């Protein structure tokens, strides 16, 4: 089988279940595991490099208003790879190539590859996507074992945090910093499992823009900075800027985490994020 993965999260999952040798094409963001970087890149960003969060937000808003795609699919590379399976998404036009773009490209090329769309909104759906990739690639057993281990680790954290004193610490989780975005999708559930109470959050739904006034009014006990697309060092830099600019509630602890590895991408490392946050809140 020849697989093109158009999501960093599914690339991560495919390697984790033993299908990595079948992955022939990836996106420019597929950086885990390191071996993924050796595959041919078939998708790149239309966004200029080096933009700060406010400029990124402005670029995205303007592009969406015009109906422009934020990602470029290299049809030539896609054709050369002769894929049997293309894994894509229909969850977030800001996150990766949209499935409609993939369908149009395959139709134009006359390619008969199967298209598997992965669109998790919750932790259970993330785990289900691992099983779906296992079925699609002939690695069902490995996928089932991976999911069982992920559920076991989540249960361990649930047990550890169940006996902690109430009320739970109020967590303001920033999925973006300029402007601030409150968390959605699987992240509120992750916070709850870790022993926190997510504020301004919308579980299972898209993250949403909020105001700093709303962040102050939510009276968080801790602020977690995890801007989508940033690693730990990048998150820490932006957290330091927020503290220096005085926009956060005074006296509230601020923690930066690796958004790419353990929060924003619905892959195999979300459990790492739950475990880390549980330790932060302990």
Protein backbone atom coordinates (compact mmCIF):
# COMPACT_ATOMS: atom_id res chain seq x y z
CA UNK A 1 0.00 0.00 0.00
CA UNK A 2 1.12 3.55 -0.78
CA UNK A 3 -0.23 6.19 1.60
CA UNK A 4 -0.25 9.99 1.42
CA UNK A 5 -0.98 11.61 4.77
CA UNK A 6 -2.09 15.22 4.67
CA UNK A 7 -2.23 15.70 8.44
CA UNK A 8 0.62 15.71 10.97
CA UNK A 9 -1.62 13.81 13.41
CA UNK A 10 -2.42 10.99 11.00
CA UNK A 11 1.21 10.73 9.95
CA UNK A 12 2.08 10.27 13.63
CA UNK A 13 -0.64 7.63 14.03
CA UNK A 14 0.36 5.73 10.88
CA UNK A 15 3.93 5.38 12.09
CA UNK A 16 2.76 4.41 15.58
CA UNK A 17 0.64 1.51 14.30
CA UNK A 18 3.38 0.16 12.04
CA UNK A 19 2.25 1.63 8.71
CA UNK A 20 5.11 4.10 8.43
CA UNK A 21 6.90 2.15 5.70
CA UNK A 22 3.80 2.58 3.52
CA UNK A 23 3.71 6.37 3.93
CA UNK A 24 5.15 7.93 0.76
CA UNK A 25 3.85 11.50 0.97
CA UNK A 26 3.32 13.99 3.81
CA UNK A 27 2.84 17.69 4.48
CA UNK A 28 5.47 20.28 5.32
CA UNK A 29 4.24 20.15 8.95
CA UNK A 30 4.72 16.40 9.41
CA UNK A 31 7.69 16.38 11.79
CA UNK A 32 6.94 13.43 14.07
CA UNK A 33 8.41 10.92 14.12
CA UNK A 34 11.62 12.29 12.64
CA UNK A 35 11.49 9.64 9.90
CA UNK A 36 8.41 11.35 8.47
CA UNK A 37 10.62 14.19 7.29
CA UNK A 38 12.22 11.81 4.77
CA UNK A 39 8.94 11.42 2.85
CA UNK A 40 8.00 13.54 -0.14
CA UNK A 41 6.17 16.77 0.74
CA UNK A 42 2.92 17.19 -1.19
CA UNK A 43 1.32 20.06 0.73
CA UNK A 44 2.73 23.46 1.69
CA UNK A 45 1.39 26.63 3.30
CA UNK A 46 0.22 29.68 1.37
CA UNK A 47 1.09 31.84 4.39
CA UNK A 48 4.30 33.90 4.45
CA UNK A 49 6.90 32.67 6.93
CA UNK A 50 7.91 34.52 10.06
CA UNK A 51 4.56 36.14 10.92
CA UNK A 52 3.68 36.86 14.54
CA UNK A 53 0.30 35.69 15.97
CA UNK A 54 -1.61 38.90 15.22
CA UNK A 55 -0.38 38.91 11.62
CA UNK A 56 -1.16 35.21 11.21
CA UNK A 57 -4.69 35.79 12.47
CA UNK A 58 -5.15 38.72 10.08
CA UNK A 59 -3.83 36.68 7.14
CA UNK A 60 -6.15 33.77 7.93
CA UNK A 61 -9.22 35.98 8.40
CA UNK A 62 -8.58 37.79 5.10
CA UNK A 63 -7.92 34.56 3.19
CA UNK A 64 -11.08 32.93 4.53
CA UNK A 65 -13.12 36.02 3.64
CA UNK A 66 -11.83 35.80 0.07
CA UNK A 67 -12.40 32.06 -0.10
CA UNK A 68 -8.69 31.40 -0.64
CA UNK A 69 -7.04 28.13 0.33
CA UNK A 70 -4.47 28.35 3.10
CA UNK A 71 -2.60 25.31 1.81
CA UNK A 72 -1.21 24.36 -1.57
CA UNK A 73 -1.48 20.77 -2.79
CA UNK A 74 1.28 19.74 -5.19
CA UNK A 75 -0.70 17.83 -7.80
CA UNK A 76 2.46 16.78 -9.60
CA UNK A 77 3.90 15.20 -6.47
CA UNK A 78 0.58 13.56 -5.75
CA UNK A 79 0.44 12.08 -9.24
CA UNK A 80 4.03 10.82 -9.06
CA UNK A 81 3.40 9.00 -5.78
CA UNK A 82 0.56 6.90 -7.24
CA UNK A 83 -1.16 6.59 -3.86
CA UNK A 84 -3.63 3.89 -2.90
CA UNK A 85 -4.84 5.80 0.16
CA UNK A 86 -4.96 9.55 0.85
CA UNK A 87 -5.71 10.60 4.42
CA UNK A 88 -7.15 14.08 4.86
CA UNK A 89 -9.60 16.10 6.97
CA UNK A 90 -12.76 18.19 6.85
CA UNK A 91 -12.45 19.58 10.37
CA UNK A 92 -10.59 22.86 10.04
CA UNK A 93 -9.68 24.83 6.91
CA UNK A 94 -6.95 26.55 8.93
CA UNK A 95 -5.30 23.27 9.95
CA UNK A 96 -4.64 21.38 6.71
CA UNK A 97 -5.74 20.78 3.13
CA UNK A 98 -9.52 20.45 2.92
CA UNK A 99 -10.99 17.20 1.63
CA UNK A 100 -12.75 19.03 -1.21
CA UNK A 101 -9.38 20.21 -2.55
CA UNK A 102 -8.07 16.65 -2.39
CA UNK A 103 -11.13 15.25 -4.16
CA UNK A 104 -10.83 17.84 -6.94
CA UNK A 105 -7.12 17.15 -7.39
CA UNK A 106 -7.58 13.37 -7.56
CA UNK A 107 -10.44 13.75 -10.03
CA UNK A 108 -8.31 16.06 -12.18
CA UNK A 109 -5.43 13.57 -12.13
CA UNK A 110 -7.69 10.59 -12.77
CA UNK A 111 -6.38 9.01 -9.58
CA UNK A 112 -8.49 6.27 -8.02
CA UNK A 113 -6.93 6.40 -4.54
CA UNK A 114 -9.25 5.87 -1.60
CA UNK A 115 -9.76 9.05 0.43
CA UNK A 116 -10.11 8.59 4.17
CA UNK A 117 -11.36 11.67 6.02
CA UNK A 118 -10.40 11.98 9.68
CA UNK A 119 -12.45 14.54 11.64
CA UNK A 120 -12.25 13.98 15.41
CA UNK A 121 -13.91 16.48 17.74
CA UNK A 122 -13.52 14.62 21.06
CA UNK A 123 -10.99 12.32 22.71
CA UNK A 124 -13.13 9.27 21.95
CA UNK A 125 -13.23 10.30 18.31
CA UNK A 126 -9.46 10.73 18.27
CA UNK A 127 -9.08 7.17 19.56
CA UNK A 128 -11.64 5.97 17.02
CA UNK A 129 -9.58 7.58 14.26
CA UNK A 130 -6.58 5.48 15.32
CA UNK A 131 -8.73 2.36 14.92
CA UNK A 132 -10.06 3.60 11.56
CA UNK A 133 -6.52 4.05 10.26
CA UNK A 134 -5.68 0.57 11.51
CA UNK A 135 -8.57 -0.92 9.56
CA UNK A 136 -7.73 1.04 6.42
CA UNK A 137 -4.08 -0.03 6.42
CA UNK A 138 -4.27 -3.62 7.64
CA UNK A 139 -2.85 -2.81 11.07
CA UNK A 140 -5.98 -3.36 13.15
CA UNK A 141 -4.27 -5.27 15.93
CA UNK A 142 -1.58 -2.65 16.48
CA UNK A 143 -4.17 0.13 16.42
CA UNK A 144 -6.35 -1.65 18.96
CA UNK A 145 -3.38 -2.20 21.27
CA UNK A 146 -2.38 1.44 20.98
CA UNK A 147 -5.90 2.62 21.80
CA UNK A 148 -6.09 0.25 24.77
CA UNK A 149 -2.83 1.67 26.12
CA UNK A 150 -4.04 5.25 25.59
CA UNK A 151 -7.28 4.49 27.49
CA UNK A 152 -5.31 2.82 30.30
CA UNK A 153 -3.10 5.89 30.72
CA UNK A 154 -6.10 8.21 30.74
CA UNK A 155 -7.77 6.05 33.39
CA UNK A 156 -4.63 6.25 35.54
CA UNK A 157 -4.80 10.06 35.45
CA UNK A 158 -8.54 10.02 36.18
CA UNK A 159 -7.89 7.86 39.23
CA UNK A 160 -5.04 10.12 40.39
CA UNK A 161 -7.06 13.32 40.09
CA UNK A 162 -10.40 11.99 41.40
CA UNK A 163 -9.30 12.30 45.01
CA UNK A 164 -7.92 15.82 44.79
CA UNK A 165 -9.52 18.55 46.88
CA UNK A 166 -12.43 20.50 45.43
CA UNK A 167 -13.03 22.93 43.86
CA UNK A 168 -10.86 22.06 40.91
CA UNK A 169 -8.39 24.70 39.68
CA UNK A 170 -9.85 26.90 36.98
CA UNK A 171 -7.76 26.60 33.82
CA UNK A 172 -7.62 29.28 31.13
CA UNK A 173 -6.17 27.44 28.14
CA UNK A 174 -5.09 29.75 25.32
CA UNK A 175 -5.17 28.11 21.89
CA UNK A 176 -4.03 31.45 20.44
CA UNK A 177 -2.58 34.56 22.00
CA UNK A 178 -3.23 37.52 19.71
CA UNK A 179 -6.17 37.67 19.72
CA UNK A 180 -6.86 35.22 22.54
CA UNK A 181 -8.74 32.04 21.67
CA UNK A 182 -10.42 29.79 24.24
CA UNK A 183 -10.22 26.03 23.73
CA UNK A 184 -12.58 23.69 21.93
CA UNK A 185 -12.71 20.18 20.48
CA UNK A 186 -10.92 17.60 22.70
CA UNK A 187 -8.99 20.08 24.86
CA UNK A 188 -11.67 20.83 27.52
CA UNK A 189 -12.01 17.09 28.12
CA UNK A 190 -8.24 16.77 28.46
CA UNK A 191 -8.26 19.53 31.08
CA UNK A 192 -11.05 17.83 33.02
CA UNK A 193 -9.26 14.47 33.05
CA UNK A 194 -6.13 16.24 34.29
CA UNK A 195 -8.07 17.55 37.27
CA UNK A 196 -8.86 21.05 36.06
CA UNK A 197 -11.99 23.04 35.32
CA UNK A 198 -11.74 24.58 31.83
CA UNK A 199 -13.03 28.15 31.61
CA UNK A 200 -14.54 29.81 28.51
CA UNK A 201 -14.24 26.41 26.82
CA UNK A 202 -16.56 24.71 24.30
CA UNK A 203 -15.94 20.97 24.29
CA UNK A 204 -16.46 19.25 20.96
CA UNK A 205 -16.76 22.57 19.14
CA UNK A 206 -14.31 24.92 17.46
CA UNK A 207 -12.05 27.10 19.57
CA UNK A 208 -13.37 30.64 19.75
CA UNK A 209 -12.07 34.17 19.95
CA UNK A 210 -12.48 35.81 23.35
CA UNK A 211 -11.38 39.07 24.93
CA UNK A 212 -8.83 39.73 27.64
CA UNK A 213 -11.67 41.19 29.67
CA UNK A 214 -13.43 37.83 29.49
CA UNK A 215 -10.22 36.05 30.52
CA UNK A 216 -9.95 38.28 33.61
CA UNK A 217 -13.65 37.85 34.42
CA UNK A 218 -13.27 34.04 34.27
CA UNK A 219 -10.94 34.25 37.31
CA UNK A 220 -8.57 31.46 36.31
CA UNK A 221 -6.23 29.84 38.81
CA UNK A 222 -3.71 29.04 36.08
CA UNK A 223 -3.17 30.11 32.47
CA UNK A 224 -1.84 27.53 30.00
CA UNK A 225 -0.34 28.94 26.80
CA UNK A 226 -0.55 26.50 23.86
CA UNK A 227 -0.93 28.37 20.56
CA UNK A 228 -1.72 26.04 17.67
CA UNK A 229 1.33 25.46 15.48
CA UNK A 230 3.91 26.23 18.18
CA UNK A 231 6.31 23.92 19.97
CA UNK A 232 7.28 24.34 23.62
CA UNK A 233 9.93 26.98 22.96
CA UNK A 234 7.57 28.99 20.78
CA UNK A 235 4.78 28.75 23.35
CA UNK A 236 7.17 29.88 26.08
CA UNK A 237 8.23 32.92 24.05
CA UNK A 238 4.62 33.96 23.55
CA UNK A 239 3.81 33.30 27.22
CA UNK A 240 6.69 35.55 28.24
CA UNK A 241 5.35 38.26 25.93
CA UNK A 242 1.88 38.02 27.49
CA UNK A 243 3.35 38.38 30.96
CA UNK A 244 5.56 41.30 29.90
CA UNK A 245 2.61 43.06 28.23
CA UNK A 246 0.47 42.75 31.37
CA UNK A 247 -2.62 41.39 29.60
CA UNK A 248 -3.08 38.35 31.88
CA UNK A 249 -4.82 38.36 35.27
CA UNK A 250 -2.25 39.53 37.83
CA UNK A 251 -0.64 36.95 40.09
CA UNK A 252 -1.95 33.95 38.16
CA UNK A 253 0.65 31.28 37.29
CA UNK A 254 1.41 30.93 33.58
CA UNK A 255 2.58 27.67 32.04
CA UNK A 256 3.69 27.09 28.45
CA UNK A 257 3.30 23.66 26.85
CA UNK A 258 4.15 22.02 23.53
CA UNK A 259 0.96 22.68 21.59
CA UNK A 260 2.05 20.78 18.49
CA UNK A 261 3.11 17.64 20.29
CA UNK A 262 0.45 17.19 22.93
CA UNK A 263 -2.57 19.44 22.41
CA UNK A 264 -3.39 20.82 18.96
CA UNK A 265 -2.80 17.68 16.88
CA UNK A 266 -5.31 14.86 17.46
CA UNK A 267 -2.71 12.12 17.43
CA UNK A 268 -1.06 9.65 19.77
CA UNK A 269 0.50 12.21 22.12
CA UNK A 270 -2.60 13.90 23.55
CA UNK A 271 -2.27 11.61 26.56
CA UNK A 272 1.18 13.13 27.17
CA UNK A 273 -0.54 16.51 27.44
CA UNK A 274 -3.08 15.19 29.94
CA UNK A 275 -0.33 13.69 32.07
CA UNK A 276 1.74 16.89 31.97
CA UNK A 277 -1.20 19.10 32.90
CA UNK A 278 -2.14 16.77 35.75
CA UNK A 279 1.37 17.26 37.13
CA UNK A 280 1.12 21.04 36.69
CA UNK A 281 -2.17 21.15 38.59
CA UNK A 282 -1.08 18.76 41.37
